[in-house]
Amino acid sequence: MQCKITNTGEKAGAEVIQLYTGEVKTPADRPVKELKRFKKVFLEPGETRTVTFFIRRKDLAHWNTAGNQWKTDKGDYNLLIGNSSAGIRLHGTFLVK
């Protein structure tokens, strides 16, 4: 997953880009979104950078108490990027088979 970030201000700055995932049909016992990755990016005024995140199947796993093991559910997942859980700027979905 890649996204671009631009400093539109007049001073150098930094932003923490956060990547969340969650199942589209979230079971009641699972969170709607979970923080999976984050990166702090430093930018000069007007500078644009591409931020790359990698998500592996095991990153989506949760502990299955019935089976007493880690499990990754099949189905559609949300992919959310922002500067906080409330500040989501990009949204997409992907399928786990």
PDB file of N, CA and C in Angstrom:
ATOM      1  N   MET A   1       0.845  -1.171   0.000  1.00  0.00           N
ATOM      2  CA  MET A   1       0.000   0.000   0.000  1.00  0.00           C
ATOM      3  C   MET A   1       0.884   1.224   0.000  1.00  0.00           C
ATOM      4  N   GLN A   2       0.555   2.174  -0.870  1.00  0.00           N
ATOM      5  CA  GLN A   2       1.294   3.423  -0.930  1.00  0.00           C
ATOM      6  C   GLN A   2       0.336   4.600  -0.857  1.00  0.00           C
ATOM      7  N   CYS A   3       0.824   5.676  -0.260  1.00  0.00           N
ATOM      8  CA  CYS A   3       0.077   6.919  -0.255  1.00  0.00           C
ATOM      9  C   CYS A   3       1.078   8.062  -0.340  1.00  0.00           C
ATOM     10  N   LYS A   4       0.613   9.195  -0.774  1.00  0.00           N
ATOM     11  CA  LYS A   4       1.469  10.378  -0.868  1.00  0.00           C
ATOM     12  C   LYS A   4       1.046  11.374   0.202  1.00  0.00           C
ATOM     13  N   ILE A   5       2.042  12.061   0.747  1.00  0.00           N
ATOM     14  CA  ILE A   5       1.788  13.104   1.729  1.00  0.00           C
ATOM     15  C   ILE A   5       2.559  14.348   1.302  1.00  0.00           C
ATOM     16  N   THR A   6       1.910  15.491   1.423  1.00  0.00           N
ATOM     17  CA  THR A   6       2.509  16.760   1.017  1.00  0.00           C
ATOM     18  C   THR A   6       2.422  17.758   2.160  1.00  0.00           C
ATOM     19  N   ASN A   7       3.518  18.484   2.377  1.00  0.00           N
ATOM     20  CA  ASN A   7       3.520  19.583   3.334  1.00  0.00           C
ATOM     21  C   ASN A   7       3.051  20.826   2.593  1.00  0.00           C
ATOM     22  N   THR A   8       1.843  21.257   2.863  1.00  0.00           N
ATOM     23  CA  THR A   8       1.281  22.435   2.198  1.00  0.00           C
ATOM     24  C   THR A   8       1.548  23.711   2.979  1.00  0.00           C
ATOM     25  N   GLY A   9       2.256  23.588   4.101  1.00  0.00           N
ATOM     26  CA  GLY A   9       2.566  24.746   4.929  1.00  0.00           C
ATOM     27  C   GLY A   9       3.816  25.474   4.481  1.00  0.00           C
ATOM     28  N   GLU A  10       4.160  26.487   5.234  1.00  0.00           N
ATOM     29  CA  GLU A  10       5.326  27.315   4.923  1.00  0.00           C
ATOM     30  C   GLU A  10       6.540  26.961   5.766  1.00  0.00           C
ATOM     31  N   LYS A  11       6.399  25.997   6.679  1.00  0.00           N
ATOM     32  CA  LYS A  11       7.498  25.585   7.545  1.00  0.00           C
ATOM     33  C   LYS A  11       7.684  24.077   7.455  1.00  0.00           C
ATOM     34  N   ALA A  12       8.896  23.632   7.756  1.00  0.00           N
ATOM     35  CA  ALA A  12       9.170  22.198   7.816  1.00  0.00           C
ATOM     36  C   ALA A  12       8.314  21.586   8.917  1.00  0.00           C
ATOM     37  N   GLY A  13       7.927  20.350   8.715  1.00  0.00           N
ATOM     38  CA  GLY A  13       7.076  19.705   9.706  1.00  0.00           C
ATOM     39  C   GLY A  13       7.149  18.204   9.614  1.00  0.00           C
ATOM     40  N   ALA A  14       6.384  17.562  10.463  1.00  0.00           N
ATOM     41  CA  ALA A  14       6.335  16.102  10.497  1.00  0.00           C
ATOM     42  C   ALA A  14       4.892  15.665  10.708  1.00  0.00           C
ATOM     43  N   GLU A  15       4.598  14.476  10.216  1.00  0.00           N
ATOM     44  CA  GLU A  15       3.266  13.886  10.392  1.00  0.00           C
ATOM     45  C   GLU A  15       3.451  12.395  10.613  1.00  0.00           C
ATOM     46  N   VAL A  16       2.615  11.809  11.436  1.00  0.00           N
ATOM     47  CA  VAL A  16       2.615  10.366  11.639  1.00  0.00           C
ATOM     48  C   VAL A  16       1.471   9.792  10.812  1.00  0.00           C
ATOM     49  N   ILE A  17       1.828   8.989   9.829  1.00  0.00           N
ATOM     50  CA  ILE A  17       0.847   8.342   8.959  1.00  0.00           C
ATOM     51  C   ILE A  17       0.516   6.988   9.576  1.00  0.00           C
ATOM     52  N   GLN A  18      -0.774   6.709   9.753  1.00  0.00           N
ATOM     53  CA  GLN A  18      -1.214   5.486  10.410  1.00  0.00           C
ATOM     54  C   GLN A  18      -2.066   4.644   9.465  1.00  0.00           C
ATOM     55  N   LEU A  19      -1.818   3.331   9.477  1.00  0.00           N
ATOM     56  CA  LEU A  19      -2.581   2.400   8.650  1.00  0.00           C
ATOM     57  C   LEU A  19      -3.387   1.482   9.562  1.00  0.00           C
ATOM     58  N   TYR A  20      -4.681   1.426   9.302  1.00  0.00           N
ATOM     59  CA  TYR A  20      -5.610   0.584  10.061  1.00  0.00           C
ATOM     60  C   TYR A  20      -6.249  -0.422   9.120  1.00  0.00           C
ATOM     61  N   THR A  21      -6.592  -1.588   9.677  1.00  0.00           N
ATOM     62  CA  THR A  21      -7.389  -2.569   8.940  1.00  0.00           C
ATOM     63  C   THR A  21      -8.549  -3.015   9.822  1.00  0.00           C
ATOM     64  N   GLY A  22      -9.544  -3.582   9.186  1.00  0.00           N
ATOM     65  CA  GLY A  22     -10.684  -4.142   9.899  1.00  0.00           C
ATOM     66  C   GLY A  22     -11.567  -4.887   8.918  1.00  0.00           C
ATOM     67  N   GLU A  23     -12.215  -5.914   9.378  1.00  0.00           N
ATOM     68  CA  GLU A  23     -13.113  -6.669   8.504  1.00  0.00           C
ATOM     69  C   GLU A  23     -14.316  -5.811   8.138  1.00  0.00           C
ATOM     70  N   VAL A  24     -14.755  -5.905   6.885  1.00  0.00           N
ATOM     71  CA  VAL A  24     -15.927  -5.138   6.437  1.00  0.00           C
ATOM     72  C   VAL A  24     -17.148  -5.541   7.252  1.00  0.00           C
ATOM     73  N   LYS A  25     -17.353  -6.838   7.416  1.00  0.00           N
ATOM     74  CA  LYS A  25     -18.451  -7.350   8.260  1.00  0.00           C
ATOM     75  C   LYS A  25     -17.827  -7.760   9.594  1.00  0.00           C
ATOM     76  N   THR A  26     -17.548  -6.764  10.420  1.00  0.00           N
ATOM     77  CA  THR A  26     -16.838  -6.993  11.669  1.00  0.00           C
ATOM     78  C   THR A  26     -17.684  -7.787  12.657  1.00  0.00           C
ATOM     79  N   PRO A  27     -17.179  -8.942  13.115  1.00  0.00           N
ATOM     80  CA  PRO A  27     -17.887  -9.679  14.166  1.00  0.00           C
ATOM     81  C   PRO A  27     -17.966  -8.835  15.438  1.00  0.00           C
ATOM     82  N   ALA A  28     -18.960  -9.105  16.270  1.00  0.00           N
ATOM     83  CA  ALA A  28     -19.191  -8.310  17.480  1.00  0.00           C
ATOM     84  C   ALA A  28     -17.999  -8.335  18.431  1.00  0.00           C
ATOM     85  N   ASP A  29     -17.214  -9.404  18.412  1.00  0.00           N
ATOM     86  CA  ASP A  29     -16.096  -9.517  19.348  1.00  0.00           C
ATOM     87  C   ASP A  29     -14.773  -8.985  18.789  1.00  0.00           C
ATOM     88  N   ARG A  30     -14.824  -8.295  17.641  1.00  0.00           N
ATOM     89  CA  ARG A  30     -13.601  -7.768  17.018  1.00  0.00           C
ATOM     90  C   ARG A  30     -13.718  -6.257  16.851  1.00  0.00           C
ATOM     91  N   PRO A  31     -12.593  -5.537  16.939  1.00  0.00           N
ATOM     92  CA  PRO A  31     -12.635  -4.082  16.729  1.00  0.00           C
ATOM     93  C   PRO A  31     -12.937  -3.732  15.278  1.00  0.00           C
ATOM     94  N   VAL A  32     -13.554  -2.590  15.079  1.00  0.00           N
ATOM     95  CA  VAL A  32     -13.890  -2.124  13.726  1.00  0.00           C
ATOM     96  C   VAL A  32     -12.623  -1.784  12.954  1.00  0.00           C
ATOM     97  N   LYS A  33     -11.624  -1.218  13.638  1.00  0.00           N
ATOM     98  CA  LYS A  33     -10.340  -0.934  13.008  1.00  0.00           C
ATOM     99  C   LYS A  33      -9.219  -1.159  14.008  1.00  0.00           C
ATOM    100  N   GLU A  34      -8.112  -1.682  13.481  1.00  0.00           N
ATOM    101  CA  GLU A  34      -6.944  -1.968  14.302  1.00  0.00           C
ATOM    102  C   GLU A  34      -5.728  -1.311  13.666  1.00  0.00           C
ATOM    103  N   LEU A  35      -4.928  -0.620  14.475  1.00  0.00           N
ATOM    104  CA  LEU A  35      -3.695  -0.018  13.981  1.00  0.00           C
ATOM    105  C   LEU A  35      -2.701  -1.115  13.644  1.00  0.00           C
ATOM    106  N   LYS A  36      -2.207  -1.112  12.410  1.00  0.00           N
ATOM    107  CA  LYS A  36      -1.273  -2.152  11.970  1.00  0.00           C
ATOM    108  C   LYS A  36       0.122  -1.608  11.682  1.00  0.00           C
ATOM    109  N   ARG A  37       0.208  -0.393  11.201  1.00  0.00           N
ATOM    110  CA  ARG A  37       1.503   0.204  10.855  1.00  0.00           C
ATOM    111  C   ARG A  37       1.424   1.711  11.061  1.00  0.00           C
ATOM    112  N   PHE A  38       2.585   2.320  11.282  1.00  0.00           N
ATOM    113  CA  PHE A  38       2.665   3.778  11.292  1.00  0.00           C
ATOM    114  C   PHE A  38       4.083   4.196  10.935  1.00  0.00           C
ATOM    115  N   LYS A  39       4.209   5.391  10.378  1.00  0.00           N
ATOM    116  CA  LYS A  39       5.506   5.958  10.008  1.00  0.00           C
ATOM    117  C   LYS A  39       5.466   7.458  10.247  1.00  0.00           C
ATOM    118  N   LYS A  40       6.545   7.964  10.834  1.00  0.00           N
ATOM    119  CA  LYS A  40       6.678   9.407  10.999  1.00  0.00           C
ATOM    120  C   LYS A  40       7.446   9.936   9.800  1.00  0.00           C
ATOM    121  N   VAL A  41       6.869  10.946   9.161  1.00  0.00           N
ATOM    122  CA  VAL A  41       7.444  11.502   7.936  1.00  0.00           C
ATOM    123  C   VAL A  41       7.787  12.972   8.184  1.00  0.00           C
ATOM    124  N   PHE A  42       9.023  13.342   7.876  1.00  0.00           N
ATOM    125  CA  PHE A  42       9.469  14.726   7.982  1.00  0.00           C
ATOM    126  C   PHE A  42       9.470  15.345   6.593  1.00  0.00           C
ATOM    127  N   LEU A  43       8.886  16.534   6.463  1.00  0.00           N
ATOM    128  CA  LEU A  43       8.747  17.177   5.152  1.00  0.00           C
ATOM    129  C   LEU A  43       9.138  18.649   5.221  1.00  0.00           C
ATOM    130  N   GLU A  44       9.820  19.090   4.185  1.00  0.00           N
ATOM    131  CA  GLU A  44      10.106  20.510   4.003  1.00  0.00           C
ATOM    132  C   GLU A  44       8.876  21.168   3.373  1.00  0.00           C
ATOM    133  N   PRO A  45       8.772  22.488   3.439  1.00  0.00           N
ATOM    134  CA  PRO A  45       7.625  23.164   2.810  1.00  0.00           C
ATOM    135  C   PRO A  45       7.488  22.786   1.335  1.00  0.00           C
ATOM    136  N   GLY A  46       6.298  22.394   0.931  1.00  0.00           N
ATOM    137  CA  GLY A  46       6.032  22.030  -0.462  1.00  0.00           C
ATOM    138  C   GLY A  46       6.491  20.632  -0.854  1.00  0.00           C
ATOM    139  N   GLU A  47       7.181  19.937   0.019  1.00  0.00           N
ATOM    140  CA  GLU A  47       7.710  18.608  -0.306  1.00  0.00           C
ATOM    141  C   GLU A  47       6.600  17.549  -0.271  1.00  0.00           C
ATOM    142  N   THR A  48       6.686  16.603  -1.206  1.00  0.00           N
ATOM    143  CA  THR A  48       5.780  15.456  -1.265  1.00  0.00           C
ATOM    144  C   THR A  48       6.608  14.183  -1.171  1.00  0.00           C
ATOM    145  N   ARG A  49       6.132  13.248  -0.393  1.00  0.00           N
ATOM    146  CA  ARG A  49       6.792  11.946  -0.266  1.00  0.00           C
ATOM    147  C   ARG A  49       5.771  10.833  -0.427  1.00  0.00           C
ATOM    148  N   THR A  50       6.244   9.708  -0.917  1.00  0.00           N
ATOM    149  CA  THR A  50       5.421   8.509  -0.995  1.00  0.00           C
ATOM    150  C   THR A  50       5.759   7.630   0.202  1.00  0.00           C
ATOM    151  N   VAL A  51       4.729   7.201   0.914  1.00  0.00           N
ATOM    152  CA  VAL A  51       4.880   6.329   2.078  1.00  0.00           C
ATOM    153  C   VAL A  51       4.381   4.946   1.681  1.00  0.00           C
ATOM    154  N   THR A  52       5.172   3.927   1.962  1.00  0.00           N
ATOM    155  CA  THR A  52       4.820   2.551   1.601  1.00  0.00           C
ATOM    156  C   THR A  52       4.644   1.709   2.856  1.00  0.00           C
ATOM    157  N   PHE A  53       3.548   0.965   2.882  1.00  0.00           N
ATOM    158  CA  PHE A  53       3.264   0.026   3.970  1.00  0.00           C
ATOM    159  C   PHE A  53       3.092  -1.363   3.370  1.00  0.00           C
ATOM    160  N   PHE A  54       3.516  -2.380   4.106  1.00  0.00           N
ATOM    161  CA  PHE A  54       3.311  -3.765   3.716  1.00  0.00           C
ATOM    162  C   PHE A  54       2.458  -4.448   4.777  1.00  0.00           C
ATOM    163  N   ILE A  55       1.426  -5.158   4.330  1.00  0.00           N
ATOM    164  CA  ILE A  55       0.557  -5.924   5.218  1.00  0.00           C
ATOM    165  C   ILE A  55       0.647  -7.387   4.807  1.00  0.00           C
ATOM    166  N   ARG A  56       0.918  -8.233   5.786  1.00  0.00           N
ATOM    167  CA  ARG A  56       0.971  -9.669   5.535  1.00  0.00           C
ATOM    168  C   ARG A  56      -0.288 -10.326   6.097  1.00  0.00           C
ATOM    169  N   ARG A  57      -0.572 -11.495   5.621  1.00  0.00           N
ATOM    170  CA  ARG A  57      -1.757 -12.233   6.079  1.00  0.00           C
ATOM    171  C   ARG A  57      -1.749 -12.389   7.604  1.00  0.00           C
ATOM    172  N   LYS A  58      -0.588 -12.699   8.171  1.00  0.00           N
ATOM    173  CA  LYS A  58      -0.529 -12.911   9.618  1.00  0.00           C
ATOM    174  C   LYS A  58      -0.794 -11.624  10.396  1.00  0.00           C
ATOM    175  N   ASP A  59      -0.628 -10.462   9.766  1.00  0.00           N
ATOM    176  CA  ASP A  59      -0.948  -9.190  10.416  1.00  0.00           C
ATOM    177  C   ASP A  59      -2.452  -9.048  10.678  1.00  0.00           C
ATOM    178  N   LEU A  60      -3.253  -9.810   9.963  1.00  0.00           N
ATOM    179  CA  LEU A  60      -4.711  -9.747  10.086  1.00  0.00           C
ATOM    180  C   LEU A  60      -5.262 -10.794  11.052  1.00  0.00           C
ATOM    181  N   ALA A  61      -4.383 -11.620  11.588  1.00  0.00           N
ATOM    182  CA  ALA A  61      -4.812 -12.728  12.446  1.00  0.00           C
ATOM    183  C   ALA A  61      -5.310 -12.234  13.806  1.00  0.00           C
ATOM    184  N   HIS A  62      -6.194 -13.015  14.381  1.00  0.00           N
ATOM    185  CA  HIS A  62      -6.690 -12.784  15.736  1.00  0.00           C
ATOM    186  C   HIS A  62      -6.696 -14.116  16.470  1.00  0.00           C
ATOM    187  N   TRP A  63      -6.701 -14.051  17.798  1.00  0.00           N
ATOM    188  CA  TRP A  63      -6.682 -15.275  18.588  1.00  0.00           C
ATOM    189  C   TRP A  63      -8.078 -15.878  18.631  1.00  0.00           C
ATOM    190  N   ASN A  64      -8.188 -17.099  18.164  1.00  0.00           N
ATOM    191  CA  ASN A  64      -9.447 -17.836  18.154  1.00  0.00           C
ATOM    192  C   ASN A  64      -9.476 -18.716  19.402  1.00  0.00           C
ATOM    193  N   THR A  65     -10.282 -18.325  20.380  1.00  0.00           N
ATOM    194  CA  THR A  65     -10.328 -19.070  21.642  1.00  0.00           C
ATOM    195  C   THR A  65     -10.933 -20.465  21.464  1.00  0.00           C
ATOM    196  N   ALA A  66     -11.872 -20.605  20.545  1.00  0.00           N
ATOM    197  CA  ALA A  66     -12.485 -21.922  20.318  1.00  0.00           C
ATOM    198  C   ALA A  66     -11.465 -22.911  19.764  1.00  0.00           C
ATOM    199  N   GLY A  67     -10.624 -22.459  18.855  1.00  0.00           N
ATOM    200  CA  GLY A  67      -9.617 -23.330  18.252  1.00  0.00           C
ATOM    201  C   GLY A  67      -8.271 -23.258  18.947  1.00  0.00           C
ATOM    202  N   ASN A  68      -8.140 -22.317  19.908  1.00  0.00           N
ATOM    203  CA  ASN A  68      -6.896 -22.129  20.653  1.00  0.00           C
ATOM    204  C   ASN A  68      -5.702 -21.908  19.716  1.00  0.00           C
ATOM    205  N   GLN A  69      -5.920 -21.021  18.723  1.00  0.00           N
ATOM    206  CA  GLN A  69      -4.869 -20.736  17.737  1.00  0.00           C
ATOM    207  C   GLN A  69      -5.127 -19.394  17.067  1.00  0.00           C
ATOM    208  N   TRP A  70      -4.104 -18.873  16.380  1.00  0.00           N
ATOM    209  CA  TRP A  70      -4.257 -17.651  15.589  1.00  0.00           C
ATOM    210  C   TRP A  70      -5.020 -17.993  14.315  1.00  0.00           C
ATOM    211  N   LYS A  71      -5.913 -17.080  13.902  1.00  0.00           N
ATOM    212  CA  LYS A  71      -6.743 -17.322  12.716  1.00  0.00           C
ATOM    213  C   LYS A  71      -6.906 -16.027  11.936  1.00  0.00           C
ATOM    214  N   THR A  72      -6.805 -16.124  10.616  1.00  0.00           N
ATOM    215  CA  THR A  72      -7.097 -15.004   9.731  1.00  0.00           C
ATOM    216  C   THR A  72      -8.375 -15.332   8.983  1.00  0.00           C
ATOM    217  N   ASP A  73      -9.405 -14.532   9.207  1.00  0.00           N
ATOM    218  CA  ASP A  73     -10.683 -14.772   8.554  1.00  0.00           C
ATOM    219  C   ASP A  73     -10.620 -14.404   7.079  1.00  0.00           C
ATOM    220  N   LYS A  74     -11.289 -15.186   6.256  1.00  0.00           N
ATOM    221  CA  LYS A  74     -11.424 -14.868   4.840  1.00  0.00           C
ATOM    222  C   LYS A  74     -12.497 -13.806   4.685  1.00  0.00           C
ATOM    223  N   GLY A  75     -12.391 -13.020   3.607  1.00  0.00           N
ATOM    224  CA  GLY A  75     -13.416 -12.021   3.340  1.00  0.00           C
ATOM    225  C   GLY A  75     -12.830 -10.659   3.023  1.00  0.00           C
ATOM    226  N   ASP A  76     -13.699  -9.675   2.973  1.00  0.00           N
ATOM    227  CA  ASP A  76     -13.308  -8.303   2.647  1.00  0.00           C
ATOM    228  C   ASP A  76     -12.829  -7.568   3.895  1.00  0.00           C
ATOM    229  N   TYR A  77     -11.764  -6.804   3.710  1.00  0.00           N
ATOM    230  CA  TYR A  77     -11.190  -6.000   4.787  1.00  0.00           C
ATOM    231  C   TYR A  77     -11.117  -4.543   4.353  1.00  0.00           C
ATOM    232  N   ASN A  78     -11.325  -3.651   5.301  1.00  0.00           N
ATOM    233  CA  ASN A  78     -11.113  -2.226   5.071  1.00  0.00           C
ATOM    234  C   ASN A  78      -9.640  -1.907   5.275  1.00  0.00           C
ATOM    235  N   LEU A  79      -9.151  -0.969   4.491  1.00  0.00           N
ATOM    236  CA  LEU A  79      -7.799  -0.439   4.617  1.00  0.00           C
ATOM    237  C   LEU A  79      -7.964   1.064   4.793  1.00  0.00           C
ATOM    238  N   LEU A  80      -7.514   1.594   5.920  1.00  0.00           N
ATOM    239  CA  LEU A  80      -7.739   2.993   6.266  1.00  0.00           C
ATOM    240  C   LEU A  80      -6.408   3.666   6.576  1.00  0.00           C
ATOM    241  N   ILE A  81      -6.205   4.864   6.032  1.00  0.00           N
ATOM    242  CA  ILE A  81      -4.968   5.615   6.283  1.00  0.00           C
ATOM    243  C   ILE A  81      -5.335   7.020   6.720  1.00  0.00           C
ATOM    244  N   GLY A  82      -4.652   7.481   7.756  1.00  0.00           N
ATOM    245  CA  GLY A  82      -4.877   8.831   8.251  1.00  0.00           C
ATOM    246  C   GLY A  82      -3.814   9.224   9.249  1.00  0.00           C
ATOM    247  N   ASN A  83      -4.039  10.342   9.937  1.00  0.00           N
ATOM    248  CA  ASN A  83      -3.088  10.783  10.951  1.00  0.00           C
ATOM    249  C   ASN A  83      -3.572  10.431  12.361  1.00  0.00           C
ATOM    250  N   SER A  84      -4.736   9.797  12.453  1.00  0.00           N
ATOM    251  CA  SER A  84      -5.277   9.277  13.712  1.00  0.00           C
ATOM    252  C   SER A  84      -6.444   8.361  13.357  1.00  0.00           C
ATOM    253  N   SER A  85      -6.969   7.666  14.350  1.00  0.00           N
ATOM    254  CA  SER A  85      -8.109   6.784  14.073  1.00  0.00           C
ATOM    255  C   SER A  85      -9.346   7.586  13.689  1.00  0.00           C
ATOM    256  N   ALA A  86      -9.408   8.838  14.132  1.00  0.00           N
ATOM    257  CA  ALA A  86     -10.540   9.705  13.778  1.00  0.00           C
ATOM    258  C   ALA A  86     -10.249  10.546  12.539  1.00  0.00           C
ATOM    259  N   GLY A  87      -8.993  10.609  12.111  1.00  0.00           N
ATOM    260  CA  GLY A  87      -8.603  11.448  10.971  1.00  0.00           C
ATOM    261  C   GLY A  87      -8.268  10.644   9.735  1.00  0.00           C
ATOM    262  N   ILE A  88      -9.155   9.735   9.357  1.00  0.00           N
ATOM    263  CA  ILE A  88      -8.926   8.880   8.184  1.00  0.00           C
ATOM    264  C   ILE A  88      -9.084   9.711   6.914  1.00  0.00           C
ATOM    265  N   ARG A  89      -8.087   9.646   6.028  1.00  0.00           N
ATOM    266  CA  ARG A  89      -8.094  10.410   4.779  1.00  0.00           C
ATOM    267  C   ARG A  89      -8.257   9.533   3.533  1.00  0.00           C
ATOM    268  N   LEU A  90      -7.814   8.270   3.636  1.00  0.00           N
ATOM    269  CA  LEU A  90      -7.927   7.336   2.509  1.00  0.00           C
ATOM    270  C   LEU A  90      -8.599   6.059   3.000  1.00  0.00           C
ATOM    271  N   HIS A  91      -9.427   5.480   2.115  1.00  0.00           N
ATOM    272  CA  HIS A  91     -10.151   4.273   2.466  1.00  0.00           C
ATOM    273  C   HIS A  91     -10.220   3.373   1.240  1.00  0.00           C
ATOM    274  N   GLY A  92      -9.985   2.102   1.448  1.00  0.00           N
ATOM    275  CA  GLY A  92     -10.112   1.124   0.372  1.00  0.00           C
ATOM    276  C   GLY A  92     -10.476  -0.215   0.982  1.00  0.00           C
ATOM    277  N   THR A  93     -10.663  -1.206   0.136  1.00  0.00           N
ATOM    278  CA  THR A  93     -10.946  -2.554   0.607  1.00  0.00           C
ATOM    279  C   THR A  93     -10.073  -3.552  -0.140  1.00  0.00           C
ATOM    280  N   PHE A  94      -9.867  -4.710   0.465  1.00  0.00           N
ATOM    281  CA  PHE A  94      -9.137  -5.800  -0.195  1.00  0.00           C
ATOM    282  C   PHE A  94      -9.738  -7.112   0.269  1.00  0.00           C
ATOM    283  N   LEU A  95      -9.502  -8.152  -0.500  1.00  0.00           N
ATOM    284  CA  LEU A  95     -10.088  -9.470  -0.242  1.00  0.00           C
ATOM    285  C   LEU A  95      -9.011 -10.429   0.236  1.00  0.00           C
ATOM    286  N   VAL A  96      -9.301 -11.147   1.301  1.00  0.00           N
ATOM    287  CA  VAL A  96      -8.438 -12.232   1.791  1.00  0.00           C
ATOM    288  C   VAL A  96      -9.128 -13.534   1.436  1.00  0.00           C
ATOM    289  N   LYS A  97      -8.428 -14.375   0.668  1.00  0.00           N
ATOM    290  CA  LYS A  97      -8.995 -15.666   0.254  1.00  0.00           C
ATOM    291  C   LYS A  97      -8.478 -16.775   1.127  1.00  0.00           C
TER     292      LYS A  97
END
